[in-house]
PDB file of N, CA and C in Angstrom:
ATOM      1  N   MET A   1      90.902 -70.868 150.062  1.00  0.00           N
ATOM      2  CA  MET A   1      90.217 -71.878 149.304  1.00  0.00           C
ATOM      3  C   MET A   1      91.224 -72.874 148.738  1.00  0.00           C
ATOM      4  N   ALA A   2      92.384 -72.697 148.455  1.00  0.00           N
ATOM      5  CA  ALA A   2      93.184 -73.677 148.136  1.00  0.00           C
ATOM      6  C   ALA A   2      93.497 -74.656 149.191  1.00  0.00           C
ATOM      7  N   VAL A   3      93.776 -74.133 150.308  1.00  0.00           N
ATOM      8  CA  VAL A   3      94.007 -74.809 151.553  1.00  0.00           C
ATOM      9  C   VAL A   3      92.695 -75.846 151.853  1.00  0.00           C
ATOM     10  N   GLU A   4      91.626 -75.077 151.848  1.00  0.00           N
ATOM     11  CA  GLU A   4      90.211 -75.953 152.063  1.00  0.00           C
ATOM     12  C   GLU A   4      90.172 -77.243 151.136  1.00  0.00           C
ATOM     13  N   ARG A   5      90.661 -76.966 150.041  1.00  0.00           N
ATOM     14  CA  ARG A   5      90.472 -78.145 148.940  1.00  0.00           C
ATOM     15  C   ARG A   5      91.874 -78.977 149.007  1.00  0.00           C
ATOM     16  N   GLY A   6      92.700 -78.977 150.033  1.00  0.00           N
ATOM     17  CA  GLY A   6      93.709 -80.058 150.221  1.00  0.00           C
ATOM     18  C   GLY A   6      94.909 -79.531 149.792  1.00  0.00           C
ATOM     19  N   SER A   7      95.225 -78.244 149.407  1.00  0.00           N
ATOM     20  CA  SER A   7      96.716 -77.843 148.736  1.00  0.00           C
ATOM     21  C   SER A   7      97.199 -77.115 149.987  1.00  0.00           C
ATOM     22  N   LYS A   8      98.508 -77.253 149.848  1.00  0.00           N
ATOM     23  CA  LYS A   8      99.737 -76.639 151.078  1.00  0.00           C
ATOM     24  C   LYS A   8      99.239 -75.113 151.061  1.00  0.00           C
ATOM     25  N   ASP A   9      99.126 -74.333 149.785  1.00  0.00           N
ATOM     26  CA  ASP A   9      98.920 -73.271 149.748  1.00  0.00           C
ATOM     27  C   ASP A   9      98.485 -72.790 148.140  1.00  0.00           C
ATOM     28  N   VAL A  10      98.339 -71.621 147.897  1.00  0.00           N
ATOM     29  CA  VAL A  10      97.974 -71.118 146.480  1.00  0.00           C
ATOM     30  C   VAL A  10      99.101 -71.465 145.908  1.00  0.00           C
ATOM     31  N   PHE A  11      98.971 -71.876 144.493  1.00  0.00           N
ATOM     32  CA  PHE A  11     100.147 -72.300 143.760  1.00  0.00           C
ATOM     33  C   PHE A  11     100.161 -71.689 142.466  1.00  0.00           C
ATOM     34  N   MET A  12     101.255 -71.564 141.734  1.00  0.00           N
ATOM     35  CA  MET A  12     101.564 -70.837 140.483  1.00  0.00           C
ATOM     36  C   MET A  12     100.796 -71.536 139.245  1.00  0.00           C
ATOM     37  N   ASN A  13     100.109 -70.728 138.395  1.00  0.00           N
ATOM     38  CA  ASN A  13      99.242 -71.402 137.258  1.00  0.00           C
ATOM     39  C   ASN A  13     100.332 -71.232 136.087  1.00  0.00           C
ATOM     40  N   ILE A  14      99.618 -71.807 135.088  1.00  0.00           N
ATOM     41  CA  ILE A  14     100.670 -72.145 133.811  1.00  0.00           C
ATOM     42  C   ILE A  14     100.939 -70.787 133.104  1.00  0.00           C
ATOM     43  N   HIS A  15     100.119 -69.902 133.112  1.00  0.00           N
ATOM     44  CA  HIS A  15     100.280 -68.492 132.576  1.00  0.00           C
ATOM     45  C   HIS A  15     101.606 -67.911 133.198  1.00  0.00           C
ATOM     46  N   THR A  16     101.493 -68.054 134.521  1.00  0.00           N
ATOM     47  CA  THR A  16     102.683 -67.440 135.294  1.00  0.00           C
ATOM     48  C   THR A  16     104.007 -68.017 134.983  1.00  0.00           C
ATOM     49  N   SER A  17     103.910 -69.428 135.129  1.00  0.00           N
ATOM     50  CA  SER A  17     104.950 -70.322 134.890  1.00  0.00           C
ATOM     51  C   SER A  17     105.482 -70.006 133.476  1.00  0.00           C
ATOM     52  N   LEU A  18     104.703 -69.899 132.299  1.00  0.00           N
ATOM     53  CA  LEU A  18     105.081 -69.606 130.849  1.00  0.00           C
ATOM     54  C   LEU A  18     105.720 -68.262 130.804  1.00  0.00           C
ATOM     55  N   GLY A  19     105.292 -67.265 131.571  1.00  0.00           N
ATOM     56  CA  GLY A  19     105.846 -66.007 131.491  1.00  0.00           C
ATOM     57  C   GLY A  19     107.221 -66.047 132.043  1.00  0.00           C
ATOM     58  N   LEU A  20     107.448 -66.506 133.085  1.00  0.00           N
ATOM     59  CA  LEU A  20     108.905 -66.757 133.698  1.00  0.00           C
ATOM     60  C   LEU A  20     109.861 -67.492 132.653  1.00  0.00           C
ATOM     61  N   VAL A  21     109.346 -68.440 131.658  1.00  0.00           N
ATOM     62  CA  VAL A  21     110.031 -69.261 130.916  1.00  0.00           C
ATOM     63  C   VAL A  21     110.337 -68.274 129.722  1.00  0.00           C
ATOM     64  N   GLN A  22     109.425 -67.429 129.389  1.00  0.00           N
ATOM     65  CA  GLN A  22     109.748 -66.480 128.104  1.00  0.00           C
ATOM     66  C   GLN A  22     110.743 -65.425 128.828  1.00  0.00           C
ATOM     67  N   ARG A  23     110.706 -64.826 130.046  1.00  0.00           N
ATOM     68  CA  ARG A  23     111.837 -63.873 130.652  1.00  0.00           C
ATOM     69  C   ARG A  23     113.144 -64.534 130.679  1.00  0.00           C
ATOM     70  N   TYR A  24     112.933 -65.824 131.051  1.00  0.00           N
ATOM     71  CA  TYR A  24     114.211 -66.651 131.271  1.00  0.00           C
ATOM     72  C   TYR A  24     114.991 -66.648 129.793  1.00  0.00           C
ATOM     73  N   ILE A  25     114.108 -67.145 128.602  1.00  0.00           N
ATOM     74  CA  ILE A  25     114.928 -67.444 127.352  1.00  0.00           C
ATOM     75  C   ILE A  25     115.373 -65.897 126.828  1.00  0.00           C
ATOM     76  N   GLU A  26     114.227 -65.080 126.844  1.00  0.00           N
ATOM     77  CA  GLU A  26     114.644 -63.789 126.247  1.00  0.00           C
ATOM     78  C   GLU A  26     115.827 -62.997 126.964  1.00  0.00           C
ATOM     79  N   SER A  27     116.032 -63.321 128.203  1.00  0.00           N
ATOM     80  CA  SER A  27     117.266 -62.845 128.899  1.00  0.00           C
ATOM     81  C   SER A  27     118.568 -63.247 128.246  1.00  0.00           C
ATOM     82  N   TRP A  28     118.484 -64.490 127.534  1.00  0.00           N
ATOM     83  CA  TRP A  28     119.538 -65.028 126.928  1.00  0.00           C
ATOM     84  C   TRP A  28     119.529 -64.517 125.416  1.00  0.00           C
ATOM     85  N   ALA A  29     118.564 -64.977 124.817  1.00  0.00           N
ATOM     86  CA  ALA A  29     118.376 -64.680 123.457  1.00  0.00           C
ATOM     87  C   ALA A  29     118.081 -63.271 122.903  1.00  0.00           C
ATOM     88  N   GLY A  30     117.710 -62.420 123.747  1.00  0.00           N
ATOM     89  CA  GLY A  30     117.217 -60.941 123.379  1.00  0.00           C
ATOM     90  C   GLY A  30     115.834 -60.613 123.123  1.00  0.00           C
ATOM     91  N   GLU A  31     115.485 -59.333 123.194  1.00  0.00           N
ATOM     92  CA  GLU A  31     114.154 -58.740 123.171  1.00  0.00           C
ATOM     93  C   GLU A  31     113.602 -59.228 121.566  1.00  0.00           C
ATOM     94  N   GLY A  32     114.381 -59.193 120.561  1.00  0.00           N
ATOM     95  CA  GLY A  32     114.066 -59.171 119.258  1.00  0.00           C
ATOM     96  C   GLY A  32     113.860 -60.856 118.747  1.00  0.00           C
ATOM     97  N   VAL A  33     113.741 -61.623 119.550  1.00  0.00           N
ATOM     98  CA  VAL A  33     113.454 -63.053 119.387  1.00  0.00           C
ATOM     99  C   VAL A  33     112.286 -63.281 118.646  1.00  0.00           C
ATOM    100  N   ASP A  34     112.087 -63.971 117.759  1.00  0.00           N
ATOM    101  CA  ASP A  34     110.834 -64.445 117.040  1.00  0.00           C
ATOM    102  C   ASP A  34     110.339 -65.885 117.522  1.00  0.00           C
ATOM    103  N   TRP A  35     109.375 -65.803 118.614  1.00  0.00           N
ATOM    104  CA  TRP A  35     109.080 -67.147 119.023  1.00  0.00           C
ATOM    105  C   TRP A  35     108.089 -67.991 118.154  1.00  0.00           C
ATOM    106  N   ARG A  36     108.394 -69.184 117.838  1.00  0.00           N
ATOM    107  CA  ARG A  36     107.808 -70.077 116.903  1.00  0.00           C
ATOM    108  C   ARG A  36     107.004 -71.101 117.525  1.00  0.00           C
ATOM    109  N   ALA A  37     107.460 -71.640 118.628  1.00  0.00           N
ATOM    110  CA  ALA A  37     106.581 -72.613 119.375  1.00  0.00           C
ATOM    111  C   ALA A  37     107.106 -72.893 120.659  1.00  0.00           C
ATOM    112  N   ILE A  38     106.434 -73.192 121.684  1.00  0.00           N
ATOM    113  CA  ILE A  38     106.689 -73.369 123.026  1.00  0.00           C
ATOM    114  C   ILE A  38     105.918 -74.618 123.523  1.00  0.00           C
ATOM    115  N   ARG A  39     106.607 -75.431 124.154  1.00  0.00           N
ATOM    116  CA  ARG A  39     105.980 -76.676 124.736  1.00  0.00           C
ATOM    117  C   ARG A  39     106.453 -76.899 126.314  1.00  0.00           C
ATOM    118  N   ALA A  40     105.563 -76.932 127.001  1.00  0.00           N
ATOM    119  CA  ALA A  40     105.489 -77.049 128.467  1.00  0.00           C
ATOM    120  C   ALA A  40     104.778 -78.189 129.151  1.00  0.00           C
ATOM    121  N   ARG A  41     105.559 -78.757 130.200  1.00  0.00           N
ATOM    122  CA  ARG A  41     104.922 -79.726 131.105  1.00  0.00           C
ATOM    123  C   ARG A  41     104.925 -79.312 132.574  1.00  0.00           C
ATOM    124  N   LEU A  42     103.976 -79.200 133.122  1.00  0.00           N
ATOM    125  CA  LEU A  42     104.105 -78.806 134.505  1.00  0.00           C
ATOM    126  C   LEU A  42     104.452 -80.176 135.314  1.00  0.00           C
ATOM    127  N   GLY A  43     104.870 -79.804 136.448  1.00  0.00           N
ATOM    128  CA  GLY A  43     105.241 -81.018 137.414  1.00  0.00           C
ATOM    129  C   GLY A  43     104.881 -80.531 138.911  1.00  0.00           C
ATOM    130  N   ALA A  44     106.067 -80.335 139.693  1.00  0.00           N
ATOM    131  CA  ALA A  44     105.756 -80.111 140.961  1.00  0.00           C
ATOM    132  C   ALA A  44     105.243 -78.520 141.151  1.00  0.00           C
ATOM    133  N   SER A  45     104.344 -78.489 142.134  1.00  0.00           N
ATOM    134  CA  SER A  45     103.681 -77.124 142.433  1.00  0.00           C
ATOM    135  C   SER A  45     104.696 -76.218 142.819  1.00  0.00           C
ATOM    136  N   ASN A  46     104.403 -74.975 142.469  1.00  0.00           N
ATOM    137  CA  ASN A  46     105.515 -73.938 143.003  1.00  0.00           C
ATOM    138  C   ASN A  46     104.608 -73.089 143.952  1.00  0.00           C
ATOM    139  N   TYR A  47     104.906 -73.128 145.153  1.00  0.00           N
ATOM    140  CA  TYR A  47     103.931 -72.143 146.159  1.00  0.00           C
ATOM    141  C   TYR A  47     104.786 -70.885 146.527  1.00  0.00           C
ATOM    142  N   PRO A  48     104.031 -70.047 147.008  1.00  0.00           N
ATOM    143  CA  PRO A  48     104.784 -68.720 147.489  1.00  0.00           C
ATOM    144  C   PRO A  48     106.002 -69.074 148.498  1.00  0.00           C
ATOM    145  N   GLY A  49     106.915 -68.173 148.440  1.00  0.00           N
ATOM    146  CA  GLY A  49     108.211 -68.244 149.257  1.00  0.00           C
ATOM    147  C   GLY A  49     109.006 -69.328 148.432  1.00  0.00           C
ATOM    148  N   ASP A  50     108.928 -70.249 147.658  1.00  0.00           N
ATOM    149  CA  ASP A  50     109.882 -71.195 147.407  1.00  0.00           C
ATOM    150  C   ASP A  50     110.718 -70.577 146.407  1.00  0.00           C
ATOM    151  N   THR A  51     111.922 -71.002 145.993  1.00  0.00           N
ATOM    152  CA  THR A  51     112.684 -70.340 144.782  1.00  0.00           C
ATOM    153  C   THR A  51     112.591 -71.360 143.791  1.00  0.00           C
ATOM    154  N   MET A  52     112.406 -70.718 142.566  1.00  0.00           N
ATOM    155  CA  MET A  52     112.610 -71.621 141.403  1.00  0.00           C
ATOM    156  C   MET A  52     113.808 -71.221 140.523  1.00  0.00           C
ATOM    157  N   THR A  53     114.553 -72.144 140.267  1.00  0.00           N
ATOM    158  CA  THR A  53     115.765 -71.917 139.492  1.00  0.00           C
ATOM    159  C   THR A  53     115.693 -72.349 138.055  1.00  0.00           C
ATOM    160  N   PHE A  54     116.026 -71.685 136.897  1.00  0.00           N
ATOM    161  CA  PHE A  54     116.029 -72.122 135.712  1.00  0.00           C
ATOM    162  C   PHE A  54     117.289 -72.387 134.996  1.00  0.00           C
ATOM    163  N   SER A  55     117.452 -73.514 134.068  1.00  0.00           N
ATOM    164  CA  SER A  55     118.383 -73.782 133.392  1.00  0.00           C
ATOM    165  C   SER A  55     118.030 -74.011 131.976  1.00  0.00           C
ATOM    166  N   GLY A  56     118.971 -74.256 131.019  1.00  0.00           N
ATOM    167  CA  GLY A  56     118.226 -74.405 129.742  1.00  0.00           C
ATOM    168  C   GLY A  56     119.573 -74.641 128.709  1.00  0.00           C
ATOM    169  N   ALA A  57     119.498 -75.292 127.706  1.00  0.00           N
ATOM    170  CA  ALA A  57     120.551 -75.325 126.813  1.00  0.00           C
ATOM    171  C   ALA A  57     119.942 -75.412 125.291  1.00  0.00           C
ATOM    172  N   VAL A  58     120.715 -75.019 124.373  1.00  0.00           N
ATOM    173  CA  VAL A  58     120.460 -75.169 122.971  1.00  0.00           C
ATOM    174  C   VAL A  58     120.485 -76.636 122.716  1.00  0.00           C
ATOM    175  N   SER A  59     119.337 -77.362 122.164  1.00  0.00           N
ATOM    176  CA  SER A  59     119.288 -78.743 121.809  1.00  0.00           C
ATOM    177  C   SER A  59     119.485 -78.943 120.514  1.00  0.00           C
ATOM    178  N   ALA A  60     118.982 -77.626 119.669  1.00  0.00           N
ATOM    179  CA  ALA A  60     119.308 -77.923 117.922  1.00  0.00           C
ATOM    180  C   ALA A  60     119.456 -76.416 117.532  1.00  0.00           C
ATOM    181  N   ARG A  61     120.285 -76.603 116.328  1.00  0.00           N
ATOM    182  CA  ARG A  61     120.407 -75.179 115.647  1.00  0.00           C
ATOM    183  C   ARG A  61     120.463 -75.151 114.306  1.00  0.00           C
ATOM    184  N   GLN A  62     119.921 -74.483 113.441  1.00  0.00           N
ATOM    185  CA  GLN A  62     119.877 -74.364 111.970  1.00  0.00           C
ATOM    186  C   GLN A  62     119.787 -72.915 111.544  1.00  0.00           C
ATOM    187  N   GLY A  63     121.160 -72.327 111.490  1.00  0.00           N
ATOM    188  CA  GLY A  63     121.166 -70.654 111.035  1.00  0.00           C
ATOM    189  C   GLY A  63     120.727 -69.973 112.577  1.00  0.00           C
ATOM    190  N   ASP A  64     119.744 -69.241 112.144  1.00  0.00           N
ATOM    191  CA  ASP A  64     119.258 -68.291 113.313  1.00  0.00           C
ATOM    192  C   ASP A  64     118.346 -69.004 114.190  1.00  0.00           C
ATOM    193  N   ASP A  65     117.589 -70.364 113.633  1.00  0.00           N
ATOM    194  CA  ASP A  65     116.682 -71.019 114.266  1.00  0.00           C
ATOM    195  C   ASP A  65     117.142 -72.126 115.346  1.00  0.00           C
ATOM    196  N   VAL A  66     116.687 -72.044 116.527  1.00  0.00           N
ATOM    197  CA  VAL A  66     117.232 -72.683 117.411  1.00  0.00           C
ATOM    198  C   VAL A  66     115.900 -73.350 118.390  1.00  0.00           C
ATOM    199  N   VAL A  67     116.306 -74.486 118.882  1.00  0.00           N
ATOM    200  CA  VAL A  67     115.375 -75.201 119.914  1.00  0.00           C
ATOM    201  C   VAL A  67     116.384 -75.082 121.278  1.00  0.00           C
ATOM    202  N   VAL A  68     115.650 -74.486 122.419  1.00  0.00           N
ATOM    203  CA  VAL A  68     116.147 -74.239 123.630  1.00  0.00           C
ATOM    204  C   VAL A  68     115.195 -75.310 124.652  1.00  0.00           C
ATOM    205  N   ALA A  69     116.025 -76.342 125.158  1.00  0.00           N
ATOM    206  CA  ALA A  69     115.317 -77.141 126.047  1.00  0.00           C
ATOM    207  C   ALA A  69     115.485 -76.588 127.401  1.00  0.00           C
ATOM    208  N   TYR A  70     114.342 -76.223 128.211  1.00  0.00           N
ATOM    209  CA  TYR A  70     114.672 -75.449 129.506  1.00  0.00           C
ATOM    210  C   TYR A  70     114.120 -76.492 130.756  1.00  0.00           C
ATOM    211  N   ARG A  71     114.181 -75.841 132.001  1.00  0.00           N
ATOM    212  CA  ARG A  71     113.792 -76.640 133.107  1.00  0.00           C
ATOM    213  C   ARG A  71     113.560 -75.389 134.282  1.00  0.00           C
ATOM    214  N   GLY A  72     112.566 -75.333 134.995  1.00  0.00           N
ATOM    215  CA  GLY A  72     112.547 -74.738 136.158  1.00  0.00           C
ATOM    216  C   GLY A  72     112.352 -75.671 137.354  1.00  0.00           C
ATOM    217  N   VAL A  73     113.143 -75.543 138.375  1.00  0.00           N
ATOM    218  CA  VAL A  73     113.168 -76.435 139.324  1.00  0.00           C
ATOM    219  C   VAL A  73     112.949 -75.645 140.702  1.00  0.00           C
ATOM    220  N   ASN A  74     112.180 -76.367 141.594  1.00  0.00           N
ATOM    221  CA  ASN A  74     112.132 -75.776 143.034  1.00  0.00           C
ATOM    222  C   ASN A  74     112.453 -76.814 143.971  1.00  0.00           C
ATOM    223  N   SER A  75     112.054 -76.416 145.280  1.00  0.00           N
ATOM    224  CA  SER A  75     112.471 -77.590 146.347  1.00  0.00           C
ATOM    225  C   SER A  75     111.707 -78.762 146.131  1.00  0.00           C
ATOM    226  N   LEU A  76     110.629 -78.653 145.493  1.00  0.00           N
ATOM    227  CA  LEU A  76     109.885 -80.015 145.283  1.00  0.00           C
ATOM    228  C   LEU A  76     110.074 -80.818 144.136  1.00  0.00           C
ATOM    229  N   GLY A  77     111.253 -80.349 143.115  1.00  0.00           N
ATOM    230  CA  GLY A  77     111.431 -80.963 141.967  1.00  0.00           C
ATOM    231  C   GLY A  77     111.162 -79.931 140.837  1.00  0.00           C
ATOM    232  N   ALA A  78     111.030 -80.630 139.517  1.00  0.00           N
ATOM    233  CA  ALA A  78     111.130 -79.859 138.343  1.00  0.00           C
ATOM    234  C   ALA A  78     109.519 -79.335 138.244  1.00  0.00           C
ATOM    235  N   HIS A  79     109.266 -77.833 138.279  1.00  0.00           N
ATOM    236  CA  HIS A  79     108.075 -77.285 138.332  1.00  0.00           C
ATOM    237  C   HIS A  79     107.657 -77.340 136.772  1.00  0.00           C
ATOM    238  N   VAL A  80     108.486 -76.905 135.754  1.00  0.00           N
ATOM    239  CA  VAL A  80     108.121 -76.755 134.463  1.00  0.00           C
ATOM    240  C   VAL A  80     109.358 -77.126 133.544  1.00  0.00           C
ATOM    241  N   THR A  81     108.993 -77.908 132.563  1.00  0.00           N
ATOM    242  CA  THR A  81     110.029 -78.415 131.756  1.00  0.00           C
ATOM    243  C   THR A  81     109.420 -78.322 130.133  1.00  0.00           C
ATOM    244  N   GLY A  82     110.377 -78.158 129.047  1.00  0.00           N
ATOM    245  CA  GLY A  82     109.761 -78.074 127.858  1.00  0.00           C
ATOM    246  C   GLY A  82     110.843 -77.741 126.921  1.00  0.00           C
ATOM    247  N   THR A  83     110.438 -77.219 125.678  1.00  0.00           N
ATOM    248  CA  THR A  83     111.288 -76.922 124.829  1.00  0.00           C
ATOM    249  C   THR A  83     110.445 -75.408 124.100  1.00  0.00           C
ATOM    250  N   ALA A  84     111.525 -74.706 123.520  1.00  0.00           N
ATOM    251  CA  ALA A  84     111.081 -73.431 122.820  1.00  0.00           C
ATOM    252  C   ALA A  84     111.659 -73.357 121.742  1.00  0.00           C
ATOM    253  N   GLU A  85     110.869 -73.263 120.448  1.00  0.00           N
ATOM    254  CA  GLU A  85     111.471 -72.951 119.153  1.00  0.00           C
ATOM    255  C   GLU A  85     111.379 -71.593 118.762  1.00  0.00           C
ATOM    256  N   LEU A  86     112.712 -70.870 118.314  1.00  0.00           N
ATOM    257  CA  LEU A  86     112.569 -69.513 117.898  1.00  0.00           C
ATOM    258  C   LEU A  86     113.644 -69.116 117.060  1.00  0.00           C
ATOM    259  N   ALA A  87     113.614 -68.056 116.451  1.00  0.00           N
ATOM    260  CA  ALA A  87     114.657 -67.327 115.642  1.00  0.00           C
ATOM    261  C   ALA A  87     115.225 -66.507 116.393  1.00  0.00           C
ATOM    262  N   LEU A  88     116.497 -66.585 116.165  1.00  0.00           N
ATOM    263  CA  LEU A  88     117.294 -65.457 117.158  1.00  0.00           C
ATOM    264  C   LEU A  88     117.153 -64.171 116.314  1.00  0.00           C
ATOM    265  N   PRO A  89     117.358 -63.086 116.907  1.00  0.00           N
ATOM    266  CA  PRO A  89     117.692 -61.758 116.216  1.00  0.00           C
ATOM    267  C   PRO A  89     118.818 -61.676 115.583  1.00  0.00           C
ATOM    268  N   ARG A  90     118.912 -61.049 114.445  1.00  0.00           N
ATOM    269  CA  ARG A  90     120.226 -60.989 113.783  1.00  0.00           C
ATOM    270  C   ARG A  90     120.782 -59.600 114.132  1.00  0.00           C
ATOM    271  N   LYS A  91     122.085 -59.576 114.347  1.00  0.00           N
ATOM    272  CA  LYS A  91     122.804 -58.694 114.818  1.00  0.00           C
ATOM    273  C   LYS A  91     123.460 -57.738 113.684  1.00  0.00           C
TER     274      LYS A  91
END
């Protein structure tokens, strides 16, 4: 159906994209992270067989509260970009 409607193939939806963002950030921050807000903008489509690579950096910090700017890029360009506000787990 996707091809019939002009797409190259089926493509990733925002729910899957945000699930991957969550997994990427939690792999750095830890499972006990307290999510406060997440903002995302979708760009280039992500098709089956393509590789998406995530990068991110802490753009603000106050105590245990951080803002992480992230980006997921594939062969077509930036698929998902945004920020996540969270409280890091206390050790």
